[in-house]
Amino acid sequence: MYALKLWPALLRYCDDGAIEIDNSAAERALRGVAIGRRNYLFAGADSGGERAAAIYSLIGTAKLNGVDPEAWLRHVLTHIADHPVNRVDYFLPWNCYLPAAL
């Protein structure tokens, strides 16, 4: 009886090669959100939560642009003090060239 209820979904899966058989990829993508939700409890204050949100946004942006977040942040933090303030857009993940040594 259970399989008969799922028959339309199985047929849809078989008809469209882009449909995943399960939702594991979506669950993995949301795992960071669930872990972060617990971490937000310990931000200490609203300002701490805002800083955490900014860091999560930067890391997420780096990931979406195919950049290793740890290497990118290491590069930015190492070089930003000597960089002109009017050219800070150089450090955005989609503009930043990371040397192979990083």
PDB file of N, CA and C in Angstrom:
ATOM      1  N   MET A   1       0.814  -1.180   0.000  1.00  0.00           N
ATOM      2  CA  MET A   1       0.000   0.000   0.000  1.00  0.00           C
ATOM      3  C   MET A   1       0.876   1.270   0.000  1.00  0.00           C
ATOM      4  N   TYR A   2       1.958   1.259   0.768  1.00  0.00           N
ATOM      5  CA  TYR A   2       2.858   2.408   0.847  1.00  0.00           C
ATOM      6  C   TYR A   2       3.445   2.708  -0.532  1.00  0.00           C
ATOM      7  N   ALA A   3       3.890   1.666  -1.230  1.00  0.00           N
ATOM      8  CA  ALA A   3       4.501   1.850  -2.548  1.00  0.00           C
ATOM      9  C   ALA A   3       3.488   2.390  -3.553  1.00  0.00           C
ATOM     10  N   LEU A   4       2.242   1.988  -3.450  1.00  0.00           N
ATOM     11  CA  LEU A   4       1.219   2.478  -4.376  1.00  0.00           C
ATOM     12  C   LEU A   4       0.973   3.972  -4.197  1.00  0.00           C
ATOM     13  N   LYS A   5       1.073   4.458  -2.959  1.00  0.00           N
ATOM     14  CA  LYS A   5       0.890   5.890  -2.710  1.00  0.00           C
ATOM     15  C   LYS A   5       2.023   6.705  -3.335  1.00  0.00           C
ATOM     16  N   LEU A   6       3.213   6.114  -3.414  1.00  0.00           N
ATOM     17  CA  LEU A   6       4.374   6.813  -3.950  1.00  0.00           C
ATOM     18  C   LEU A   6       4.559   6.611  -5.450  1.00  0.00           C
ATOM     19  N   TRP A   7       3.696   5.845  -6.077  1.00  0.00           N
ATOM     20  CA  TRP A   7       3.840   5.511  -7.493  1.00  0.00           C
ATOM     21  C   TRP A   7       3.924   6.761  -8.386  1.00  0.00           C
ATOM     22  N   PRO A   8       3.061   7.765  -8.220  1.00  0.00           N
ATOM     23  CA  PRO A   8       3.176   8.964  -9.066  1.00  0.00           C
ATOM     24  C   PRO A   8       4.546   9.656  -8.933  1.00  0.00           C
ATOM     25  N   ALA A   9       5.081   9.701  -7.724  1.00  0.00           N
ATOM     26  CA  ALA A   9       6.398  10.315  -7.524  1.00  0.00           C
ATOM     27  C   ALA A   9       7.489   9.500  -8.209  1.00  0.00           C
ATOM     28  N   LEU A  10       7.384   8.192  -8.156  1.00  0.00           N
ATOM     29  CA  LEU A  10       8.366   7.336  -8.822  1.00  0.00           C
ATOM     30  C   LEU A  10       8.310   7.534 -10.328  1.00  0.00           C
ATOM     31  N   LEU A  11       7.117   7.613 -10.878  1.00  0.00           N
ATOM     32  CA  LEU A  11       6.985   7.851 -12.314  1.00  0.00           C
ATOM     33  C   LEU A  11       7.573   9.202 -12.699  1.00  0.00           C
ATOM     34  N   ARG A  12       7.343  10.211 -11.880  1.00  0.00           N
ATOM     35  CA  ARG A  12       7.910  11.553 -12.140  1.00  0.00           C
ATOM     36  C   ARG A  12       9.430  11.498 -12.104  1.00  0.00           C
ATOM     37  N   TYR A  13       9.985  10.789 -11.150  1.00  0.00           N
ATOM     38  CA  TYR A  13      11.437  10.634 -11.033  1.00  0.00           C
ATOM     39  C   TYR A  13      11.999   9.947 -12.274  1.00  0.00           C
ATOM     40  N   CYS A  14      11.320   8.933 -12.747  1.00  0.00           N
ATOM     41  CA  CYS A  14      11.795   8.191 -13.923  1.00  0.00           C
ATOM     42  C   CYS A  14      11.688   9.016 -15.199  1.00  0.00           C
ATOM     43  N   ASP A  15      10.739   9.932 -15.261  1.00  0.00           N
ATOM     44  CA  ASP A  15      10.534  10.753 -16.462  1.00  0.00           C
ATOM     45  C   ASP A  15      11.512  11.915 -16.572  1.00  0.00           C
ATOM     46  N   ASP A  16      12.013  12.405 -15.444  1.00  0.00           N
ATOM     47  CA  ASP A  16      12.870  13.594 -15.435  1.00  0.00           C
ATOM     48  C   ASP A  16      14.202  13.253 -14.797  1.00  0.00           C
ATOM     49  N   GLY A  17      15.269  13.265 -15.578  1.00  0.00           N
ATOM     50  CA  GLY A  17      16.599  12.908 -15.083  1.00  0.00           C
ATOM     51  C   GLY A  17      17.208  13.928 -14.135  1.00  0.00           C
ATOM     52  N   ALA A  18      16.628  15.107 -14.041  1.00  0.00           N
ATOM     53  CA  ALA A  18      17.172  16.138 -13.159  1.00  0.00           C
ATOM     54  C   ALA A  18      16.665  16.004 -11.722  1.00  0.00           C
ATOM     55  N   ILE A  19      15.646  15.182 -11.515  1.00  0.00           N
ATOM     56  CA  ILE A  19      15.076  15.030 -10.175  1.00  0.00           C
ATOM     57  C   ILE A  19      15.912  14.034  -9.378  1.00  0.00           C
ATOM     58  N   GLU A  20      16.228  14.426  -8.153  1.00  0.00           N
ATOM     59  CA  GLU A  20      16.989  13.556  -7.259  1.00  0.00           C
ATOM     60  C   GLU A  20      16.079  12.496  -6.651  1.00  0.00           C
ATOM     61  N   ILE A  21      16.642  11.328  -6.341  1.00  0.00           N
ATOM     62  CA  ILE A  21      15.867  10.246  -5.754  1.00  0.00           C
ATOM     63  C   ILE A  21      15.495  10.539  -4.296  1.00  0.00           C
ATOM     64  N   ASP A  22      16.310  11.353  -3.615  1.00  0.00           N
ATOM     65  CA  ASP A  22      16.003  11.709  -2.230  1.00  0.00           C
ATOM     66  C   ASP A  22      16.404  13.165  -2.000  1.00  0.00           C
ATOM     67  N   ASN A  23      16.216  13.637  -0.801  1.00  0.00           N
ATOM     68  CA  ASN A  23      16.516  15.037  -0.509  1.00  0.00           C
ATOM     69  C   ASN A  23      17.781  15.203   0.324  1.00  0.00           C
ATOM     70  N   SER A  24      18.703  14.265   0.238  1.00  0.00           N
ATOM     71  CA  SER A  24      19.933  14.331   1.034  1.00  0.00           C
ATOM     72  C   SER A  24      20.748  15.587   0.742  1.00  0.00           C
ATOM     73  N   ALA A  25      20.821  15.975  -0.527  1.00  0.00           N
ATOM     74  CA  ALA A  25      21.599  17.170  -0.879  1.00  0.00           C
ATOM     75  C   ALA A  25      21.012  18.411  -0.218  1.00  0.00           C
ATOM     76  N   ALA A  26      19.700  18.520  -0.213  1.00  0.00           N
ATOM     77  CA  ALA A  26      19.046  19.672   0.425  1.00  0.00           C
ATOM     78  C   ALA A  26      19.268  19.650   1.931  1.00  0.00           C
ATOM     79  N   GLU A  27      19.199  18.479   2.523  1.00  0.00           N
ATOM     80  CA  GLU A  27      19.418  18.378   3.972  1.00  0.00           C
ATOM     81  C   GLU A  27      20.854  18.746   4.336  1.00  0.00           C
ATOM     82  N   ARG A  28      21.816  18.323   3.517  1.00  0.00           N
ATOM     83  CA  ARG A  28      23.213  18.693   3.775  1.00  0.00           C
ATOM     84  C   ARG A  28      23.406  20.196   3.650  1.00  0.00           C
ATOM     85  N   ALA A  29      22.735  20.812   2.681  1.00  0.00           N
ATOM     86  CA  ALA A  29      22.859  22.258   2.483  1.00  0.00           C
ATOM     87  C   ALA A  29      22.309  23.028   3.680  1.00  0.00           C
ATOM     88  N   LEU A  30      21.278  22.502   4.319  1.00  0.00           N
ATOM     89  CA  LEU A  30      20.672  23.186   5.460  1.00  0.00           C
ATOM     90  C   LEU A  30      21.325  22.843   6.791  1.00  0.00           C
ATOM     91  N   ARG A  31      22.237  21.913   6.774  1.00  0.00           N
ATOM     92  CA  ARG A  31      22.882  21.499   8.025  1.00  0.00           C
ATOM     93  C   ARG A  31      23.608  22.657   8.705  1.00  0.00           C
ATOM     94  N   GLY A  32      24.290  23.475   7.907  1.00  0.00           N
ATOM     95  CA  GLY A  32      24.993  24.625   8.471  1.00  0.00           C
ATOM     96  C   GLY A  32      24.051  25.609   9.128  1.00  0.00           C
ATOM     97  N   VAL A  33      22.857  25.760   8.570  1.00  0.00           N
ATOM     98  CA  VAL A  33      21.872  26.663   9.157  1.00  0.00           C
ATOM     99  C   VAL A  33      21.443  26.147  10.528  1.00  0.00           C
ATOM    100  N   ALA A  34      21.205  24.842  10.613  1.00  0.00           N
ATOM    101  CA  ALA A  34      20.776  24.254  11.889  1.00  0.00           C
ATOM    102  C   ALA A  34      21.874  24.361  12.944  1.00  0.00           C
ATOM    103  N   ILE A  35      23.095  24.119  12.551  1.00  0.00           N
ATOM    104  CA  ILE A  35      24.214  24.237  13.494  1.00  0.00           C
ATOM    105  C   ILE A  35      24.385  25.694  13.912  1.00  0.00           C
ATOM    106  N   GLY A  36      24.282  26.599  12.941  1.00  0.00           N
ATOM    107  CA  GLY A  36      24.401  28.020  13.243  1.00  0.00           C
ATOM    108  C   GLY A  36      23.334  28.494  14.199  1.00  0.00           C
ATOM    109  N   ARG A  37      22.121  27.965  14.067  1.00  0.00           N
ATOM    110  CA  ARG A  37      21.021  28.367  14.939  1.00  0.00           C
ATOM    111  C   ARG A  37      21.387  28.114  16.398  1.00  0.00           C
ATOM    112  N   ARG A  38      22.037  26.998  16.657  1.00  0.00           N
ATOM    113  CA  ARG A  38      22.478  26.723  18.039  1.00  0.00           C
ATOM    114  C   ARG A  38      23.576  27.693  18.456  1.00  0.00           C
ATOM    115  N   ASN A  39      24.472  27.995  17.540  1.00  0.00           N
ATOM    116  CA  ASN A  39      25.575  28.903  17.867  1.00  0.00           C
ATOM    117  C   ASN A  39      25.088  30.323  18.126  1.00  0.00           C
ATOM    118  N   TYR A  40      23.986  30.729  17.485  1.00  0.00           N
ATOM    119  CA  TYR A  40      23.481  32.082  17.676  1.00  0.00           C
ATOM    120  C   TYR A  40      23.044  32.319  19.110  1.00  0.00           C
ATOM    121  N   LEU A  41      22.696  31.282  19.808  1.00  0.00           N
ATOM    122  CA  LEU A  41      22.278  31.428  21.206  1.00  0.00           C
ATOM    123  C   LEU A  41      23.411  31.966  22.078  1.00  0.00           C
ATOM    124  N   PHE A  42      24.646  31.773  21.627  1.00  0.00           N
ATOM    125  CA  PHE A  42      25.804  32.150  22.434  1.00  0.00           C
ATOM    126  C   PHE A  42      26.518  33.374  21.865  1.00  0.00           C
ATOM    127  N   ALA A  43      25.820  34.176  21.048  1.00  0.00           N
ATOM    128  CA  ALA A  43      26.424  35.377  20.472  1.00  0.00           C
ATOM    129  C   ALA A  43      26.700  36.421  21.545  1.00  0.00           C
ATOM    130  N   GLY A  44      25.978  36.381  22.658  1.00  0.00           N
ATOM    131  CA  GLY A  44      26.232  37.282  23.773  1.00  0.00           C
ATOM    132  C   GLY A  44      25.406  38.543  23.744  1.00  0.00           C
ATOM    133  N   ALA A  45      25.225  39.128  22.573  1.00  0.00           N
ATOM    134  CA  ALA A  45      24.449  40.362  22.454  1.00  0.00           C
ATOM    135  C   ALA A  45      23.982  40.487  21.013  1.00  0.00           C
ATOM    136  N   ASP A  46      23.136  41.466  20.764  1.00  0.00           N
ATOM    137  CA  ASP A  46      22.679  41.692  19.396  1.00  0.00           C
ATOM    138  C   ASP A  46      23.843  41.995  18.466  1.00  0.00           C
ATOM    139  N   SER A  47      24.803  42.773  18.955  1.00  0.00           N
ATOM    140  CA  SER A  47      25.952  43.121  18.110  1.00  0.00           C
ATOM    141  C   SER A  47      26.775  41.880  17.769  1.00  0.00           C
ATOM    142  N   GLY A  48      26.885  40.947  18.697  1.00  0.00           N
ATOM    143  CA  GLY A  48      27.592  39.695  18.418  1.00  0.00           C
ATOM    144  C   GLY A  48      26.867  38.872  17.368  1.00  0.00           C
ATOM    145  N   GLY A  49      25.542  38.866  17.445  1.00  0.00           N
ATOM    146  CA  GLY A  49      24.752  38.157  16.442  1.00  0.00           C
ATOM    147  C   GLY A  49      24.885  38.791  15.066  1.00  0.00           C
ATOM    148  N   GLU A  50      24.945  40.119  15.036  1.00  0.00           N
ATOM    149  CA  GLU A  50      25.115  40.821  13.762  1.00  0.00           C
ATOM    150  C   GLU A  50      26.478  40.516  13.154  1.00  0.00           C
ATOM    151  N   ARG A  51      27.515  40.450  13.991  1.00  0.00           N
ATOM    152  CA  ARG A  51      28.846  40.107  13.490  1.00  0.00           C
ATOM    153  C   ARG A  51      28.884  38.675  12.970  1.00  0.00           C
ATOM    154  N   ALA A  52      28.243  37.776  13.705  1.00  0.00           N
ATOM    155  CA  ALA A  52      28.183  36.377  13.267  1.00  0.00           C
ATOM    156  C   ALA A  52      27.457  36.273  11.932  1.00  0.00           C
ATOM    157  N   ALA A  53      26.364  37.019  11.780  1.00  0.00           N
ATOM    158  CA  ALA A  53      25.615  37.001  10.519  1.00  0.00           C
ATOM    159  C   ALA A  53      26.476  37.518   9.374  1.00  0.00           C
ATOM    160  N   ALA A  54      27.267  38.550   9.629  1.00  0.00           N
ATOM    161  CA  ALA A  54      28.144  39.094   8.589  1.00  0.00           C
ATOM    162  C   ALA A  54      29.188  38.068   8.168  1.00  0.00           C
ATOM    163  N   ILE A  55      29.781  37.382   9.131  1.00  0.00           N
ATOM    164  CA  ILE A  55      30.791  36.365   8.814  1.00  0.00           C
ATOM    165  C   ILE A  55      30.159  35.206   8.051  1.00  0.00           C
ATOM    166  N   TYR A  56      28.975  34.739   8.503  1.00  0.00           N
ATOM    167  CA  TYR A  56      28.289  33.663   7.783  1.00  0.00           C
ATOM    168  C   TYR A  56      27.965  34.083   6.350  1.00  0.00           C
ATOM    169  N   SER A  57      27.604  35.352   6.154  1.00  0.00           N
ATOM    170  CA  SER A  57      27.311  35.845   4.807  1.00  0.00           C
ATOM    171  C   SER A  57      28.561  35.842   3.938  1.00  0.00           C
ATOM    172  N   LEU A  58      29.681  36.278   4.504  1.00  0.00           N
ATOM    173  CA  LEU A  58      30.936  36.279   3.743  1.00  0.00           C
ATOM    174  C   LEU A  58      31.356  34.859   3.365  1.00  0.00           C
ATOM    175  N   ILE A  59      31.245  33.945   4.305  1.00  0.00           N
ATOM    176  CA  ILE A  59      31.621  32.557   4.037  1.00  0.00           C
ATOM    177  C   ILE A  59      30.690  31.951   2.994  1.00  0.00           C
ATOM    178  N   GLY A  60      29.399  32.206   3.116  1.00  0.00           N
ATOM    179  CA  GLY A  60      28.443  31.692   2.141  1.00  0.00           C
ATOM    180  C   GLY A  60      28.686  32.261   0.752  1.00  0.00           C
ATOM    181  N   THR A  61      29.026  33.548   0.669  1.00  0.00           N
ATOM    182  CA  THR A  61      29.318  34.177  -0.615  1.00  0.00           C
ATOM    183  C   THR A  61      30.551  33.558  -1.251  1.00  0.00           C
ATOM    184  N   ALA A  62      31.569  33.302  -0.445  1.00  0.00           N
ATOM    185  CA  ALA A  62      32.780  32.668  -0.972  1.00  0.00           C
ATOM    186  C   ALA A  62      32.449  31.277  -1.512  1.00  0.00           C
ATOM    187  N   LYS A  63      31.682  30.506  -0.767  1.00  0.00           N
ATOM    188  CA  LYS A  63      31.313  29.162  -1.221  1.00  0.00           C
ATOM    189  C   LYS A  63      30.525  29.209  -2.525  1.00  0.00           C
ATOM    190  N   LEU A  64      29.566  30.137  -2.621  1.00  0.00           N
ATOM    191  CA  LEU A  64      28.758  30.254  -3.829  1.00  0.00           C
ATOM    192  C   LEU A  64      29.590  30.640  -5.049  1.00  0.00           C
ATOM    193  N   ASN A  65      30.725  31.295  -4.816  1.00  0.00           N
ATOM    194  CA  ASN A  65      31.591  31.699  -5.912  1.00  0.00           C
ATOM    195  C   ASN A  65      32.724  30.714  -6.159  1.00  0.00           C
ATOM    196  N   GLY A  66      32.649  29.560  -5.510  1.00  0.00           N
ATOM    197  CA  GLY A  66      33.647  28.521  -5.734  1.00  0.00           C
ATOM    198  C   GLY A  66      35.006  28.824  -5.133  1.00  0.00           C
ATOM    199  N   VAL A  67      35.038  29.641  -4.100  1.00  0.00           N
ATOM    200  CA  VAL A  67      36.286  30.033  -3.452  1.00  0.00           C
ATOM    201  C   VAL A  67      36.356  29.350  -2.086  1.00  0.00           C
ATOM    202  N   ASP A  68      37.528  28.823  -1.748  1.00  0.00           N
ATOM    203  CA  ASP A  68      37.722  28.214  -0.435  1.00  0.00           C
ATOM    204  C   ASP A  68      37.636  29.317   0.625  1.00  0.00           C
ATOM    205  N   PRO A  69      36.611  29.280   1.496  1.00  0.00           N
ATOM    206  CA  PRO A  69      36.418  30.373   2.456  1.00  0.00           C
ATOM    207  C   PRO A  69      37.602  30.592   3.387  1.00  0.00           C
ATOM    208  N   GLU A  70      38.220  29.520   3.851  1.00  0.00           N
ATOM    209  CA  GLU A  70      39.349  29.684   4.781  1.00  0.00           C
ATOM    210  C   GLU A  70      40.525  30.366   4.098  1.00  0.00           C
ATOM    211  N   ALA A  71      40.874  29.928   2.899  1.00  0.00           N
ATOM    212  CA  ALA A  71      41.994  30.538   2.173  1.00  0.00           C
ATOM    213  C   ALA A  71      41.680  31.986   1.823  1.00  0.00           C
ATOM    214  N   TRP A  72      40.436  32.249   1.424  1.00  0.00           N
ATOM    215  CA  TRP A  72      40.045  33.609   1.062  1.00  0.00           C
ATOM    216  C   TRP A  72      40.124  34.537   2.271  1.00  0.00           C
ATOM    217  N   LEU A  73      39.568  34.127   3.412  1.00  0.00           N
ATOM    218  CA  LEU A  73      39.629  34.962   4.609  1.00  0.00           C
ATOM    219  C   LEU A  73      41.064  35.176   5.076  1.00  0.00           C
ATOM    220  N   ARG A  74      41.884  34.134   4.989  1.00  0.00           N
ATOM    221  CA  ARG A  74      43.300  34.271   5.366  1.00  0.00           C
ATOM    222  C   ARG A  74      43.974  35.312   4.474  1.00  0.00           C
ATOM    223  N   HIS A  75      43.705  35.248   3.176  1.00  0.00           N
ATOM    224  CA  HIS A  75      44.285  36.197   2.232  1.00  0.00           C
ATOM    225  C   HIS A  75      43.818  37.629   2.529  1.00  0.00           C
ATOM    226  N   VAL A  76      42.519  37.800   2.724  1.00  0.00           N
ATOM    227  CA  VAL A  76      41.974  39.137   2.990  1.00  0.00           C
ATOM    228  C   VAL A  76      42.546  39.705   4.284  1.00  0.00           C
ATOM    229  N   LEU A  77      42.533  38.936   5.348  1.00  0.00           N
ATOM    230  CA  LEU A  77      43.011  39.440   6.635  1.00  0.00           C
ATOM    231  C   LEU A  77      44.506  39.729   6.621  1.00  0.00           C
ATOM    232  N   THR A  78      45.246  39.011   5.789  1.00  0.00           N
ATOM    233  CA  THR A  78      46.690  39.241   5.692  1.00  0.00           C
ATOM    234  C   THR A  78      47.002  40.519   4.923  1.00  0.00           C
ATOM    235  N   HIS A  79      46.209  40.845   3.902  1.00  0.00           N
ATOM    236  CA  HIS A  79      46.554  41.943   3.009  1.00  0.00           C
ATOM    237  C   HIS A  79      45.712  43.211   3.152  1.00  0.00           C
ATOM    238  N   ILE A  80      44.638  43.172   3.888  1.00  0.00           N
ATOM    239  CA  ILE A  80      43.720  44.329   3.902  1.00  0.00           C
ATOM    240  C   ILE A  80      44.330  45.561   4.581  1.00  0.00           C
ATOM    241  N   ALA A  81      45.222  45.395   5.529  1.00  0.00           N
ATOM    242  CA  ALA A  81      45.799  46.547   6.230  1.00  0.00           C
ATOM    243  C   ALA A  81      46.642  47.419   5.304  1.00  0.00           C
ATOM    244  N   ASP A  82      47.272  46.823   4.308  1.00  0.00           N
ATOM    245  CA  ASP A  82      48.143  47.564   3.388  1.00  0.00           C
ATOM    246  C   ASP A  82      47.445  47.926   2.083  1.00  0.00           C
ATOM    247  N   HIS A  83      46.147  47.729   2.006  1.00  0.00           N
ATOM    248  CA  HIS A  83      45.409  47.921   0.761  1.00  0.00           C
ATOM    249  C   HIS A  83      44.658  49.256   0.797  1.00  0.00           C
ATOM    250  N   PRO A  84      44.610  49.980  -0.333  1.00  0.00           N
ATOM    251  CA  PRO A  84      43.863  51.251  -0.360  1.00  0.00           C
ATOM    252  C   PRO A  84      42.375  51.036  -0.072  1.00  0.00           C
ATOM    253  N   VAL A  85      41.801  51.887   0.763  1.00  0.00           N
ATOM    254  CA  VAL A  85      40.415  51.726   1.184  1.00  0.00           C
ATOM    255  C   VAL A  85      39.442  51.898   0.016  1.00  0.00           C
ATOM    256  N   ASN A  86      39.813  52.675  -0.986  1.00  0.00           N
ATOM    257  CA  ASN A  86      38.924  52.897  -2.117  1.00  0.00           C
ATOM    258  C   ASN A  86      38.953  51.735  -3.125  1.00  0.00           C
ATOM    259  N   ARG A  87      39.758  50.720  -2.874  1.00  0.00           N
ATOM    260  CA  ARG A  87      39.824  49.550  -3.764  1.00  0.00           C
ATOM    261  C   ARG A  87      39.516  48.268  -2.996  1.00  0.00           C
ATOM    262  N   VAL A  88      38.679  48.374  -1.979  1.00  0.00           N
ATOM    263  CA  VAL A  88      38.348  47.222  -1.149  1.00  0.00           C
ATOM    264  C   VAL A  88      37.556  46.177  -1.947  1.00  0.00           C
ATOM    265  N   ASP A  89      36.935  46.573  -3.057  1.00  0.00           N
ATOM    266  CA  ASP A  89      36.188  45.621  -3.873  1.00  0.00           C
ATOM    267  C   ASP A  89      37.102  44.527  -4.456  1.00  0.00           C
ATOM    268  N   TYR A  90      38.400  44.761  -4.445  1.00  0.00           N
ATOM    269  CA  TYR A  90      39.361  43.740  -4.883  1.00  0.00           C
ATOM    270  C   TYR A  90      39.237  42.476  -4.039  1.00  0.00           C
ATOM    271  N   PHE A  91      38.859  42.634  -2.785  1.00  0.00           N
ATOM    272  CA  PHE A  91      38.814  41.500  -1.865  1.00  0.00           C
ATOM    273  C   PHE A  91      37.509  40.708  -1.930  1.00  0.00           C
ATOM    274  N   LEU A  92      36.539  41.150  -2.712  1.00  0.00           N
ATOM    275  CA  LEU A  92      35.310  40.373  -2.858  1.00  0.00           C
ATOM    276  C   LEU A  92      35.646  39.024  -3.477  1.00  0.00           C
ATOM    277  N   PRO A  93      34.973  37.964  -3.068  1.00  0.00           N
ATOM    278  CA  PRO A  93      35.345  36.618  -3.526  1.00  0.00           C
ATOM    279  C   PRO A  93      35.395  36.459  -5.040  1.00  0.00           C
ATOM    280  N   TRP A  94      34.521  37.135  -5.773  1.00  0.00           N
ATOM    281  CA  TRP A  94      34.506  36.969  -7.223  1.00  0.00           C
ATOM    282  C   TRP A  94      35.569  37.810  -7.915  1.00  0.00           C
ATOM    283  N   ASN A  95      36.229  38.722  -7.203  1.00  0.00           N
ATOM    284  CA  ASN A  95      37.305  39.534  -7.766  1.00  0.00           C
ATOM    285  C   ASN A  95      38.684  39.124  -7.275  1.00  0.00           C
ATOM    286  N   CYS A  96      38.747  38.414  -6.194  1.00  0.00           N
ATOM    287  CA  CYS A  96      40.011  38.157  -5.511  1.00  0.00           C
ATOM    288  C   CYS A  96      40.747  36.988  -6.150  1.00  0.00           C
ATOM    289  N   TYR A  97      41.979  37.243  -6.561  1.00  0.00           N
ATOM    290  CA  TYR A  97      42.823  36.177  -7.083  1.00  0.00           C
ATOM    291  C   TYR A  97      43.652  35.637  -5.928  1.00  0.00           C
ATOM    292  N   LEU A  98      43.498  34.348  -5.665  1.00  0.00           N
ATOM    293  CA  LEU A  98      44.256  33.716  -4.580  1.00  0.00           C
ATOM    294  C   LEU A  98      45.477  33.021  -5.163  1.00  0.00           C
ATOM    295  N   PRO A  99      46.658  33.399  -4.712  1.00  0.00           N
ATOM    296  CA  PRO A  99      47.861  32.710  -5.186  1.00  0.00           C
ATOM    297  C   PRO A  99      47.813  31.233  -4.839  1.00  0.00           C
ATOM    298  N   ALA A 100      48.501  30.420  -5.620  1.00  0.00           N
ATOM    299  CA  ALA A 100      48.486  28.955  -5.426  1.00  0.00           C
ATOM    300  C   ALA A 100      49.041  28.558  -4.069  1.00  0.00           C
ATOM    301  N   ALA A 101      49.882  29.409  -3.462  1.00  0.00           N
ATOM    302  CA  ALA A 101      50.488  29.079  -2.172  1.00  0.00           C
ATOM    303  C   ALA A 101      49.457  29.015  -1.048  1.00  0.00           C
ATOM    304  N   LEU A 102      48.319  29.699  -1.237  1.00  0.00           N
ATOM    305  CA  LEU A 102      47.297  29.686  -0.205  1.00  0.00           C
ATOM    306  C   LEU A 102      46.564  28.411  -0.336  1.00  0.00           C
TER     307      LEU A 102
END
